[in-house]
Amino acid sequence: MASALFGQHGVQAVTTRQIAQEVGISQPSIYAHFPSIQMIQEEVGARAFALLEQAITSSMDDSPEAQLRNAIRGYLDFGMANPEAYRIAFMLEHGATTQKAGQGIAEAFALESHPGPRAFGHLARIVALNRPDLSEQAVQTRSQCLWAALHGLVALILARPLFPWVKQDALLKEQARLAFNMVFD
């Protein structure tokens, strides 16, 4: 329910009162489970990223090349099949809810306990398996470019559904092909 409200109104505009009303419980009952609205936002985002992590890691026993193809397609399929979760994880402004006092954004994102950094870490590991000739820095750069390319198309399709896109299946297939080739260029 909170995810629907966040998707409809934006993360920063939703209150615990609105969530309680939507769920049909009292506002104090929410605070028995979540100490703040920021913790609700973080949980909803983490659940969305966990779904993405599952999509990326669905073929861990396959060859490195098959893992890469499946991770790319898994990312695209996740975004298109879960638009609300995708918007919450990637397209809505969040406060720095994973940051602790004195911690920078890069440190907060590197937390292995959060499914967002873990999902990206799996993608980077798959890129490294396919490109053992690259340095760790080059693997990270290539992985971030791949992540950005996949995100770009999904975000555009979700944000601008009325744009005269070519047939969606063809567009996603071509993006997957280009993204795969990007790892090897």
Protein backbone atom coordinates (compact mmCIF):
# COMPACT_ATOMS: atom_id res chain seq x y z
CA MET A 1 0.00 0.00 0.00
CA ALA A 2 2.80 2.42 0.87
CA SER A 3 4.48 1.66 -2.44
CA ALA A 4 1.32 2.62 -4.35
CA LEU A 5 1.14 5.92 -2.45
CA PHE A 6 4.85 6.61 -3.03
CA GLY A 7 4.44 5.83 -6.71
CA GLN A 8 1.38 8.05 -7.04
CA HIS A 9 2.43 11.07 -4.93
CA GLY A 10 6.21 10.83 -4.61
CA VAL A 11 8.19 9.57 -1.65
CA GLN A 12 8.55 12.92 0.10
CA ALA A 13 4.83 13.81 -0.14
CA VAL A 14 3.43 10.73 1.60
CA THR A 15 2.75 10.78 5.34
CA THR A 16 2.30 8.01 7.88
CA ARG A 17 -1.28 9.21 8.30
CA GLN A 18 -1.97 8.55 4.59
CA ILE A 19 -0.36 5.12 4.81
CA ALA A 20 -2.37 4.23 7.91
CA GLN A 21 -5.59 5.35 6.26
CA GLU A 22 -4.80 3.34 3.09
CA VAL A 23 -3.96 0.20 5.08
CA GLY A 24 -6.88 0.64 7.45
CA ILE A 25 -4.95 0.87 10.72
CA SER A 26 -4.23 3.65 13.16
CA GLN A 27 -1.21 5.87 12.74
CA PRO A 28 0.30 4.73 16.09
CA SER A 29 0.10 1.13 14.84
CA ILE A 30 2.48 2.01 12.02
CA TYR A 31 4.99 3.34 14.52
CA ALA A 32 4.91 -0.02 16.33
CA HIS A 33 6.58 -1.48 13.21
CA PHE A 34 8.42 1.49 11.73
CA PRO A 35 9.94 4.24 13.88
CA SER A 36 9.73 6.83 11.08
CA ILE A 37 8.42 7.52 7.59
CA GLN A 38 12.03 7.31 6.40
CA MET A 39 12.19 3.70 7.57
CA ILE A 40 9.05 2.91 5.58
CA GLN A 41 10.57 4.56 2.51
CA GLU A 42 13.76 2.58 2.99
CA GLU A 43 11.86 -0.71 3.37
CA VAL A 44 9.76 -0.13 0.25
CA GLY A 45 12.88 0.76 -1.77
CA ALA A 46 14.77 -2.25 -0.38
CA ARG A 47 11.94 -4.59 -1.39
CA ALA A 48 12.02 -3.19 -4.93
CA PHE A 49 15.80 -3.62 -5.13
CA ALA A 50 15.49 -7.17 -3.76
CA LEU A 51 13.22 -8.03 -6.71
CA LEU A 52 15.83 -6.58 -9.07
CA GLU A 53 18.58 -8.55 -7.33
CA GLN A 54 16.59 -11.75 -7.92
CA ALA A 55 16.16 -10.87 -11.59
CA ILE A 56 19.89 -10.27 -12.05
CA THR A 57 21.00 -13.42 -10.24
CA SER A 58 18.47 -15.85 -11.72
CA SER A 59 21.08 -17.77 -13.73
CA MET A 60 24.12 -17.98 -11.46
CA ASP A 61 24.91 -21.58 -12.53
CA ASP A 62 25.09 -20.76 -16.25
CA SER A 63 28.18 -19.81 -18.25
CA PRO A 64 29.48 -16.26 -17.73
CA GLU A 65 28.11 -15.21 -21.12
CA ALA A 66 24.66 -16.66 -20.34
CA GLN A 67 24.74 -15.00 -16.91
CA LEU A 68 25.40 -11.65 -18.57
CA ARG A 69 22.62 -12.09 -21.13
CA ASN A 70 20.20 -13.19 -18.42
CA ALA A 71 21.19 -10.37 -16.04
CA ILE A 72 20.65 -7.77 -18.76
CA ARG A 73 17.32 -9.23 -19.77
CA GLY A 74 16.38 -9.72 -16.10
CA TYR A 75 17.00 -6.02 -15.42
CA LEU A 76 14.88 -4.93 -18.38
CA ASP A 77 12.11 -7.43 -17.64
CA PHE A 78 12.04 -6.40 -13.96
CA GLY A 79 11.61 -2.74 -14.88
CA MET A 80 8.84 -3.38 -17.37
CA ALA A 81 6.98 -5.94 -15.23
CA ASN A 82 7.24 -3.94 -11.98
CA PRO A 83 6.88 -0.27 -12.96
CA GLU A 84 5.79 0.87 -9.51
CA ALA A 85 8.65 -0.92 -7.76
CA TYR A 86 11.07 0.39 -10.39
CA ARG A 87 9.93 3.97 -9.93
CA ILE A 88 10.31 3.68 -6.16
CA ALA A 89 13.78 2.16 -6.36
CA PHE A 90 15.18 4.34 -9.15
CA MET A 91 13.03 7.27 -10.12
CA LEU A 92 11.75 8.91 -6.94
CA GLU A 93 13.71 11.21 -4.70
CA HIS A 94 14.63 9.60 -1.42
CA GLY A 95 16.25 11.17 1.58
CA ALA A 96 19.62 9.79 2.61
CA THR A 97 17.93 7.10 4.68
CA THR A 98 20.76 4.57 4.43
CA GLN A 99 23.36 7.07 5.59
CA LYS A 100 24.54 7.08 9.15
CA ALA A 101 26.04 10.12 10.86
CA GLY A 102 29.49 10.88 9.48
CA GLN A 103 29.05 8.51 6.55
CA GLY A 104 29.35 9.65 2.95
CA ILE A 105 26.95 8.69 0.18
CA ALA A 106 29.51 6.37 -1.43
CA GLU A 107 29.96 4.56 1.89
CA ALA A 108 26.20 4.26 2.37
CA PHE A 109 25.76 2.82 -1.12
CA ALA A 110 28.53 0.29 -0.51
CA LEU A 111 26.57 -1.35 2.31
CA GLU A 112 26.39 -5.05 1.47
CA SER A 113 23.28 -5.48 3.60
CA HIS A 114 21.16 -3.44 1.17
CA PRO A 115 19.82 -5.19 -1.94
CA GLY A 116 20.50 -2.15 -4.17
CA PRO A 117 24.29 -2.28 -3.84
CA ARG A 118 24.12 -6.08 -3.85
CA ALA A 119 22.21 -6.08 -7.16
CA PHE A 120 24.82 -3.81 -8.72
CA GLY A 121 27.59 -5.94 -7.17
CA HIS A 122 26.18 -9.05 -8.85
CA LEU A 123 26.13 -7.26 -12.19
CA ALA A 124 29.74 -6.10 -11.72
CA ARG A 125 30.78 -9.64 -10.77
CA ILE A 126 29.19 -10.96 -13.97
CA VAL A 127 30.96 -8.30 -16.03
CA ALA A 128 34.26 -9.29 -14.37
CA LEU A 129 33.64 -12.97 -15.19
CA ASN A 130 33.17 -12.04 -18.83
CA ARG A 131 36.09 -9.62 -18.92
CA PRO A 132 38.93 -11.03 -16.79
CA ASP A 133 41.34 -8.89 -18.85
CA LEU A 134 39.98 -5.67 -17.32
CA SER A 135 41.25 -4.02 -14.15
CA GLU A 136 38.88 -3.68 -11.21
CA GLN A 137 38.49 0.03 -12.02
CA ALA A 138 37.63 -0.77 -15.65
CA VAL A 139 35.13 -3.44 -14.55
CA GLN A 140 33.43 -0.93 -12.25
CA THR A 141 33.34 1.70 -15.00
CA ARG A 142 31.96 -0.74 -17.57
CA SER A 143 29.40 -2.06 -15.05
CA GLN A 144 28.19 1.43 -14.18
CA CYS A 145 27.84 2.28 -17.87
CA LEU A 146 25.87 -0.94 -18.40
CA TRP A 147 23.64 -0.19 -15.38
CA ALA A 148 23.05 3.35 -16.68
CA ALA A 149 22.22 2.17 -20.20
CA LEU A 150 19.65 -0.32 -18.92
CA HIS A 151 18.17 2.20 -16.51
CA GLY A 152 17.98 4.86 -19.19
CA LEU A 153 15.67 2.92 -21.45
CA VAL A 154 13.46 1.57 -18.67
CA ALA A 155 13.12 5.02 -17.09
CA LEU A 156 12.29 6.65 -20.42
CA ILE A 157 9.63 4.08 -21.29
CA LEU A 158 8.05 4.39 -17.83
CA ALA A 159 8.27 8.19 -17.70
CA ARG A 160 7.13 8.78 -21.28
CA PRO A 161 4.70 5.99 -22.21
CA LEU A 162 3.02 8.17 -24.87
CA PHE A 163 6.24 8.69 -26.84
CA PRO A 164 5.93 6.93 -30.21
CA TRP A 165 8.20 4.04 -29.23
CA VAL A 166 8.76 1.23 -31.70
CA LYS A 167 7.32 -2.12 -30.66
CA GLN A 168 8.42 -2.56 -27.03
CA ASP A 169 9.68 -6.14 -27.42
CA ALA A 170 11.89 -5.11 -30.34
CA LEU A 171 13.18 -2.09 -28.46
CA LEU A 172 14.07 -4.11 -25.35
CA LYS A 173 15.68 -6.85 -27.42
CA GLU A 174 17.85 -4.32 -29.24
CA GLN A 175 18.83 -2.60 -25.98
CA ALA A 176 19.78 -6.00 -24.53
CA ARG A 177 21.94 -6.73 -27.59
CA LEU A 178 23.68 -3.35 -27.44
CA ALA A 179 24.21 -3.62 -23.69
CA PHE A 180 25.72 -7.09 -24.05
CA ASN A 181 28.08 -5.85 -26.76
CA MET A 182 29.05 -2.86 -24.61
CA VAL A 183 30.73 -5.22 -22.16
CA PHE A 184 32.96 -6.63 -24.89
CA ASP A 185 33.83 -3.43 -26.84
